[in-house]
PDB file of N, CA and C in Angstrom:
ATOM      1  N   MET A   1      36.557   2.844  19.806  1.00  0.00           N
ATOM      2  CA  MET A   1      35.142   2.917  19.411  1.00  0.00           C
ATOM      3  C   MET A   1      34.244   2.135  20.469  1.00  0.00           C
ATOM      4  N   ASP A   2      33.079   2.681  20.653  1.00  0.00           N
ATOM      5  CA  ASP A   2      32.249   1.935  21.603  1.00  0.00           C
ATOM      6  C   ASP A   2      31.597   0.812  20.933  1.00  0.00           C
ATOM      7  N   GLY A   3      30.980  -0.112  21.692  1.00  0.00           N
ATOM      8  CA  GLY A   3      30.354  -1.319  21.157  1.00  0.00           C
ATOM      9  C   GLY A   3      29.280  -0.934  20.178  1.00  0.00           C
ATOM     10  N   HIS A   4      28.377   0.055  20.434  1.00  0.00           N
ATOM     11  CA  HIS A   4      27.300   0.313  19.557  1.00  0.00           C
ATOM     12  C   HIS A   4      27.859   0.756  18.166  1.00  0.00           C
ATOM     13  N   LEU A   5      28.824   1.592  18.144  1.00  0.00           N
ATOM     14  CA  LEU A   5      29.426   2.017  16.870  1.00  0.00           C
ATOM     15  C   LEU A   5      30.001   0.890  16.162  1.00  0.00           C
ATOM     16  N   ARG A   6      30.644   0.017  16.895  1.00  0.00           N
ATOM     17  CA  ARG A   6      31.269  -1.198  16.231  1.00  0.00           C
ATOM     18  C   ARG A   6      30.142  -2.117  15.591  1.00  0.00           C
ATOM     19  N   GLN A   7      29.028  -2.165  16.294  1.00  0.00           N
ATOM     20  CA  GLN A   7      27.862  -2.919  15.778  1.00  0.00           C
ATOM     21  C   GLN A   7      27.291  -2.330  14.535  1.00  0.00           C
ATOM     22  N   LEU A   8      27.191  -0.945  14.540  1.00  0.00           N
ATOM     23  CA  LEU A   8      26.588  -0.303  13.385  1.00  0.00           C
ATOM     24  C   LEU A   8      27.508  -0.529  12.256  1.00  0.00           C
ATOM     25  N   MET A   9      28.858  -0.426  12.327  1.00  0.00           N
ATOM     26  CA  MET A   9      29.781  -0.732  11.265  1.00  0.00           C
ATOM     27  C   MET A   9      29.672  -2.184  10.735  1.00  0.00           C
ATOM     28  N   ALA A  10      29.475  -3.062  11.674  1.00  0.00           N
ATOM     29  CA  ALA A  10      29.387  -4.544  11.258  1.00  0.00           C
ATOM     30  C   ALA A  10      28.044  -4.827  10.562  1.00  0.00           C
ATOM     31  N   ASP A  11      26.936  -4.062  10.933  1.00  0.00           N
ATOM     32  CA  ASP A  11      25.626  -4.324  10.319  1.00  0.00           C
ATOM     33  C   ASP A  11      25.409  -3.566   9.040  1.00  0.00           C
ATOM     34  N   ALA A  12      26.334  -2.650   8.654  1.00  0.00           N
ATOM     35  CA  ALA A  12      26.118  -1.937   7.435  1.00  0.00           C
ATOM     36  C   ALA A  12      25.874  -2.904   6.250  1.00  0.00           C
ATOM     37  N   GLY A  13      24.887  -2.598   5.459  1.00  0.00           N
ATOM     38  CA  GLY A  13      24.583  -3.416   4.288  1.00  0.00           C
ATOM     39  C   GLY A  13      23.565  -4.545   4.531  1.00  0.00           C
ATOM     40  N   LYS A  14      23.174  -4.730   5.813  1.00  0.00           N
ATOM     41  CA  LYS A  14      22.203  -5.679   6.159  1.00  0.00           C
ATOM     42  C   LYS A  14      20.840  -5.096   6.083  1.00  0.00           C
ATOM     43  N   LEU A  15      19.898  -5.738   5.449  1.00  0.00           N
ATOM     44  CA  LEU A  15      18.621  -5.148   5.141  1.00  0.00           C
ATOM     45  C   LEU A  15      17.719  -5.012   6.369  1.00  0.00           C
ATOM     46  N   ASP A  16      17.935  -5.918   7.361  1.00  0.00           N
ATOM     47  CA  ASP A  16      17.082  -5.988   8.558  1.00  0.00           C
ATOM     48  C   ASP A  16      17.584  -5.275   9.804  1.00  0.00           C
ATOM     49  N   LYS A  17      18.744  -4.618   9.691  1.00  0.00           N
ATOM     50  CA  LYS A  17      19.293  -3.894  10.815  1.00  0.00           C
ATOM     51  C   LYS A  17      19.873  -2.567  10.444  1.00  0.00           C
ATOM     52  N   PRO A  18      19.901  -1.561  11.378  1.00  0.00           N
ATOM     53  CA  PRO A  18      20.454  -0.311  11.008  1.00  0.00           C
ATOM     54  C   PRO A  18      21.969  -0.401  10.912  1.00  0.00           C
ATOM     55  N   GLY A  19      22.631   0.305  10.123  1.00  0.00           N
ATOM     56  CA  GLY A  19      24.086   0.263   9.960  1.00  0.00           C
ATOM     57  C   GLY A  19      24.631   1.671   9.781  1.00  0.00           C
ATOM     58  N   LEU A  20      25.949   1.680   9.817  1.00  0.00           N
ATOM     59  CA  LEU A  20      26.693   2.957   9.640  1.00  0.00           C
ATOM     60  C   LEU A  20      26.960   3.247   8.196  1.00  0.00           C
ATOM     61  N   TYR A  21      26.533   4.418   7.791  1.00  0.00           N
ATOM     62  CA  TYR A  21      26.731   4.839   6.341  1.00  0.00           C
ATOM     63  C   TYR A  21      27.311   6.252   6.444  1.00  0.00           C
ATOM     64  N   VAL A  22      28.450   6.502   5.867  1.00  0.00           N
ATOM     65  CA  VAL A  22      29.074   7.840   5.808  1.00  0.00           C
ATOM     66  C   VAL A  22      29.112   8.300   4.321  1.00  0.00           C
ATOM     67  N   SER A  23      28.583   9.428   4.085  1.00  0.00           N
ATOM     68  CA  SER A  23      28.527  10.040   2.737  1.00  0.00           C
ATOM     69  C   SER A  23      29.965  10.290   2.188  1.00  0.00           C
ATOM     70  N   ASP A  24      30.137  10.241   0.889  1.00  0.00           N
ATOM     71  CA  ASP A  24      31.400  10.650   0.286  1.00  0.00           C
ATOM     72  C   ASP A  24      31.666  12.202   0.487  1.00  0.00           C
ATOM     73  N   ALA A  25      30.613  12.888   0.782  1.00  0.00           N
ATOM     74  CA  ALA A  25      30.750  14.341   0.999  1.00  0.00           C
ATOM     75  C   ALA A  25      31.386  14.671   2.351  1.00  0.00           C
ATOM     76  N   CYS A  26      31.519  13.706   3.183  1.00  0.00           N
ATOM     77  CA  CYS A  26      32.187  13.930   4.468  1.00  0.00           C
ATOM     78  C   CYS A  26      33.690  13.687   4.306  1.00  0.00           C
ATOM     79  N   GLY A  27      34.311  14.613   3.588  1.00  0.00           N
ATOM     80  CA  GLY A  27      35.700  14.509   3.205  1.00  0.00           C
ATOM     81  C   GLY A  27      36.664  14.462   4.436  1.00  0.00           C
ATOM     82  N   TYR A  28      36.407  15.313   5.433  1.00  0.00           N
ATOM     83  CA  TYR A  28      37.196  15.267   6.650  1.00  0.00           C
ATOM     84  C   TYR A  28      37.286  13.929   7.248  1.00  0.00           C
ATOM     85  N   PHE A  29      36.076  13.292   7.436  1.00  0.00           N
ATOM     86  CA  PHE A  29      36.032  12.014   8.051  1.00  0.00           C
ATOM     87  C   PHE A  29      36.842  10.972   7.243  1.00  0.00           C
ATOM     88  N   TRP A  30      36.688  10.995   5.852  1.00  0.00           N
ATOM     89  CA  TRP A  30      37.364   9.987   5.061  1.00  0.00           C
ATOM     90  C   TRP A  30      38.867  10.325   4.992  1.00  0.00           C
ATOM     91  N   GLN A  31      39.265  11.481   5.274  1.00  0.00           N
ATOM     92  CA  GLN A  31      40.813  11.801   5.212  1.00  0.00           C
ATOM     93  C   GLN A  31      41.472  11.314   6.460  1.00  0.00           C
ATOM     94  N   THR A  32      40.626  11.169   7.569  1.00  0.00           N
ATOM     95  CA  THR A  32      41.281  10.864   8.949  1.00  0.00           C
ATOM     96  C   THR A  32      40.821   9.476   9.455  1.00  0.00           C
ATOM     97  N   ALA A  33      39.665   9.169   9.310  1.00  0.00           N
ATOM     98  CA  ALA A  33      39.123   7.896   9.943  1.00  0.00           C
ATOM     99  C   ALA A  33      39.770   6.549   9.512  1.00  0.00           C
ATOM    100  N   PRO A  34      40.016   6.324   8.245  1.00  0.00           N
ATOM    101  CA  PRO A  34      40.533   5.102   7.871  1.00  0.00           C
ATOM    102  C   PRO A  34      41.996   4.739   8.417  1.00  0.00           C
ATOM    103  N   PHE A  35      42.656   5.714   8.986  1.00  0.00           N
ATOM    104  CA  PHE A  35      44.028   5.516   9.379  1.00  0.00           C
ATOM    105  C   PHE A  35      44.145   5.565  10.900  1.00  0.00           C
ATOM    106  N   ILE A  36      43.059   5.709  11.622  1.00  0.00           N
ATOM    107  CA  ILE A  36      43.026   5.829  13.034  1.00  0.00           C
ATOM    108  C   ILE A  36      43.253   4.527  13.755  1.00  0.00           C
ATOM    109  N   ALA A  37      44.060   4.388  14.727  1.00  0.00           N
ATOM    110  CA  ALA A  37      44.311   3.217  15.555  1.00  0.00           C
ATOM    111  C   ALA A  37      44.204   3.646  17.030  1.00  0.00           C
ATOM    112  N   ARG A  38      43.498   2.831  17.857  1.00  0.00           N
ATOM    113  CA  ARG A  38      43.332   3.157  19.223  1.00  0.00           C
ATOM    114  C   ARG A  38      44.701   3.063  20.025  1.00  0.00           C
ATOM    115  N   SER A  39      44.917   4.032  20.895  1.00  0.00           N
ATOM    116  CA  SER A  39      46.092   4.017  21.747  1.00  0.00           C
ATOM    117  C   SER A  39      45.986   2.859  22.782  1.00  0.00           C
ATOM    118  N   ILE A  40      47.087   2.159  22.992  1.00  0.00           N
ATOM    119  CA  ILE A  40      47.129   1.023  23.872  1.00  0.00           C
ATOM    120  C   ILE A  40      47.081   1.565  25.301  1.00  0.00           C
ATOM    121  N   THR A  41      47.690   2.663  25.618  1.00  0.00           N
ATOM    122  CA  THR A  41      47.702   3.191  26.965  1.00  0.00           C
ATOM    123  C   THR A  41      46.489   4.130  27.289  1.00  0.00           C
ATOM    124  N   LYS A  42      45.941   4.745  26.250  1.00  0.00           N
ATOM    125  CA  LYS A  42      44.732   5.619  26.467  1.00  0.00           C
ATOM    126  C   LYS A  42      43.768   5.267  25.438  1.00  0.00           C
ATOM    127  N   PRO A  43      42.837   4.348  25.727  1.00  0.00           N
ATOM    128  CA  PRO A  43      41.838   3.873  24.704  1.00  0.00           C
ATOM    129  C   PRO A  43      40.934   4.926  24.139  1.00  0.00           C
ATOM    130  N   GLU A  44      40.804   6.042  24.858  1.00  0.00           N
ATOM    131  CA  GLU A  44      39.929   7.153  24.370  1.00  0.00           C
ATOM    132  C   GLU A  44      40.659   8.044  23.422  1.00  0.00           C
ATOM    133  N   ASP A  45      41.996   7.807  23.269  1.00  0.00           N
ATOM    134  CA  ASP A  45      42.811   8.644  22.327  1.00  0.00           C
ATOM    135  C   ASP A  45      43.269   7.631  21.144  1.00  0.00           C
ATOM    136  N   CYS A  46      43.885   8.389  20.172  1.00  0.00           N
ATOM    137  CA  CYS A  46      44.420   7.689  19.026  1.00  0.00           C
ATOM    138  C   CYS A  46      45.878   7.491  19.144  1.00  0.00           C
ATOM    139  N   GLU A  47      46.379   6.470  18.540  1.00  0.00           N
ATOM    140  CA  GLU A  47      47.835   6.191  18.551  1.00  0.00           C
ATOM    141  C   GLU A  47      48.545   7.265  17.754  1.00  0.00           C
ATOM    142  N   GLY A  48      49.697   7.663  18.278  1.00  0.00           N
ATOM    143  CA  GLY A  48      50.546   8.570  17.602  1.00  0.00           C
ATOM    144  C   GLY A  48      50.066   9.973  17.593  1.00  0.00           C
ATOM    145  N   GLY A  49      49.068  10.333  18.363  1.00  0.00           N
ATOM    146  CA  GLY A  49      48.561  11.743  18.350  1.00  0.00           C
ATOM    147  C   GLY A  49      47.863  12.206  17.065  1.00  0.00           C
ATOM    148  N   ARG A  50      47.299  11.274  16.374  1.00  0.00           N
ATOM    149  CA  ARG A  50      46.594  11.605  15.111  1.00  0.00           C
ATOM    150  C   ARG A  50      45.380  12.345  15.487  1.00  0.00           C
ATOM    151  N   ILE A  51      44.898  13.208  14.536  1.00  0.00           N
ATOM    152  CA  ILE A  51      43.659  14.077  14.791  1.00  0.00           C
ATOM    153  C   ILE A  51      42.511  13.139  14.579  1.00  0.00           C
ATOM    154  N   ASP A  52      41.632  13.158  15.590  1.00  0.00           N
ATOM    155  CA  ASP A  52      40.581  12.230  15.580  1.00  0.00           C
ATOM    156  C   ASP A  52      39.174  12.851  15.805  1.00  0.00           C
ATOM    157  N   HIS A  53      39.134  14.146  15.427  1.00  0.00           N
ATOM    158  CA  HIS A  53      37.876  14.854  15.708  1.00  0.00           C
ATOM    159  C   HIS A  53      36.660  14.221  14.951  1.00  0.00           C
ATOM    160  N   GLY A  54      36.846  13.877  13.728  1.00  0.00           N
ATOM    161  CA  GLY A  54      35.689  13.245  12.970  1.00  0.00           C
ATOM    162  C   GLY A  54      35.265  12.007  13.626  1.00  0.00           C
ATOM    163  N   VAL A  55      36.071  11.111  14.040  1.00  0.00           N
ATOM    164  CA  VAL A  55      35.760   9.932  14.666  1.00  0.00           C
ATOM    165  C   VAL A  55      35.162  10.193  16.098  1.00  0.00           C
ATOM    166  N   ASP A  56      35.678  11.173  16.763  1.00  0.00           N
ATOM    167  CA  ASP A  56      35.047  11.501  18.076  1.00  0.00           C
ATOM    168  C   ASP A  56      33.633  11.994  17.899  1.00  0.00           C
ATOM    169  N   ALA A  57      33.373  12.858  16.919  1.00  0.00           N
ATOM    170  CA  ALA A  57      32.089  13.414  16.640  1.00  0.00           C
ATOM    171  C   ALA A  57      31.061  12.227  16.365  1.00  0.00           C
ATOM    172  N   LEU A  58      31.614  11.368  15.532  1.00  0.00           N
ATOM    173  CA  LEU A  58      30.718  10.148  15.212  1.00  0.00           C
ATOM    174  C   LEU A  58      30.402   9.330  16.471  1.00  0.00           C
ATOM    175  N   ARG A  59      31.418   9.111  17.315  1.00  0.00           N
ATOM    176  CA  ARG A  59      31.182   8.326  18.584  1.00  0.00           C
ATOM    177  C   ARG A  59      30.264   9.001  19.402  1.00  0.00           C
ATOM    178  N   TYR A  60      30.419  10.367  19.600  1.00  0.00           N
ATOM    179  CA  TYR A  60      29.437  11.097  20.524  1.00  0.00           C
ATOM    180  C   TYR A  60      28.059  11.084  19.925  1.00  0.00           C
ATOM    181  N   HIS A  61      27.955  11.148  18.635  1.00  0.00           N
ATOM    182  CA  HIS A  61      26.589  11.049  18.074  1.00  0.00           C
ATOM    183  C   HIS A  61      25.919   9.749  18.325  1.00  0.00           C
ATOM    184  N   THR A  62      26.657   8.641  18.191  1.00  0.00           N
ATOM    185  CA  THR A  62      26.077   7.327  18.339  1.00  0.00           C
ATOM    186  C   THR A  62      25.772   7.148  19.887  1.00  0.00           C
ATOM    187  N   ILE A  63      26.576   7.675  20.817  1.00  0.00           N
ATOM    188  CA  ILE A  63      26.293   7.572  22.222  1.00  0.00           C
ATOM    189  C   ILE A  63      24.984   8.304  22.511  1.00  0.00           C
ATOM    190  N   GLN A  64      24.869   9.474  21.886  1.00  0.00           N
ATOM    191  CA  GLN A  64      23.630  10.228  22.024  1.00  0.00           C
ATOM    192  C   GLN A  64      22.472   9.485  21.531  1.00  0.00           C
ATOM    193  N   LYS A  65      22.507   8.799  20.415  1.00  0.00           N
ATOM    194  CA  LYS A  65      21.322   7.998  19.931  1.00  0.00           C
ATOM    195  C   LYS A  65      21.044   6.808  20.695  1.00  0.00           C
ATOM    196  N   VAL A  66      22.061   6.192  21.372  1.00  0.00           N
ATOM    197  CA  VAL A  66      21.767   5.029  22.129  1.00  0.00           C
ATOM    198  C   VAL A  66      21.073   5.410  23.449  1.00  0.00           C
ATOM    199  N   ASN A  67      21.351   6.552  23.926  1.00  0.00           N
ATOM    200  CA  ASN A  67      20.700   6.961  25.214  1.00  0.00           C
ATOM    201  C   ASN A  67      19.845   8.239  24.813  1.00  0.00           C
ATOM    202  N   PRO A  68      18.642   8.034  24.292  1.00  0.00           N
ATOM    203  CA  PRO A  68      17.821   9.255  23.896  1.00  0.00           C
ATOM    204  C   PRO A  68      17.268   9.959  25.102  1.00  0.00           C
ATOM    205  N   HIS A  69      17.366   9.411  26.262  1.00  0.00           N
ATOM    206  CA  HIS A  69      16.787  10.041  27.548  1.00  0.00           C
ATOM    207  C   HIS A  69      18.031  10.593  28.342  1.00  0.00           C
ATOM    208  N   PRO A  70      18.264  11.853  28.168  1.00  0.00           N
ATOM    209  CA  PRO A  70      19.455  12.424  28.902  1.00  0.00           C
ATOM    210  C   PRO A  70      19.183  12.351  30.361  1.00  0.00           C
ATOM    211  N   GLN A  71      20.312  12.480  31.137  1.00  0.00           N
ATOM    212  CA  GLN A  71      20.288  12.409  32.610  1.00  0.00           C
ATOM    213  C   GLN A  71      19.463  13.609  33.108  1.00  0.00           C
ATOM    214  N   ARG A  72      18.530  13.342  34.092  1.00  0.00           N
ATOM    215  CA  ARG A  72      17.746  14.371  34.545  1.00  0.00           C
ATOM    216  C   ARG A  72      18.625  15.361  35.447  1.00  0.00           C
ATOM    217  N   GLU A  73      18.240  16.639  35.375  1.00  0.00           N
ATOM    218  CA  GLU A  73      18.920  17.636  36.175  1.00  0.00           C
ATOM    219  C   GLU A  73      18.169  17.756  37.498  1.00  0.00           C
ATOM    220  N   PHE A  74      18.836  17.840  38.629  1.00  0.00           N
ATOM    221  CA  PHE A  74      18.207  17.982  39.953  1.00  0.00           C
ATOM    222  C   PHE A  74      18.389  19.376  40.349  1.00  0.00           C
TER     223      PHE A  74
END
């Protein structure tokens, strides 16, 4: 997880800061995310080859929100 995502998770429930909230309707996320551990050898992958598409999508979304100004094309 990137630092921004980790901070959003830590700030969930605080009234003065944005936090990460995932709906119960996101069944795929809840079936996979609670059991994911980061690979020691490849930090961008999950340990044991677990399916991590839901967590990857969340991470990509938070990266997009952190940098709202995409790289300019030349």
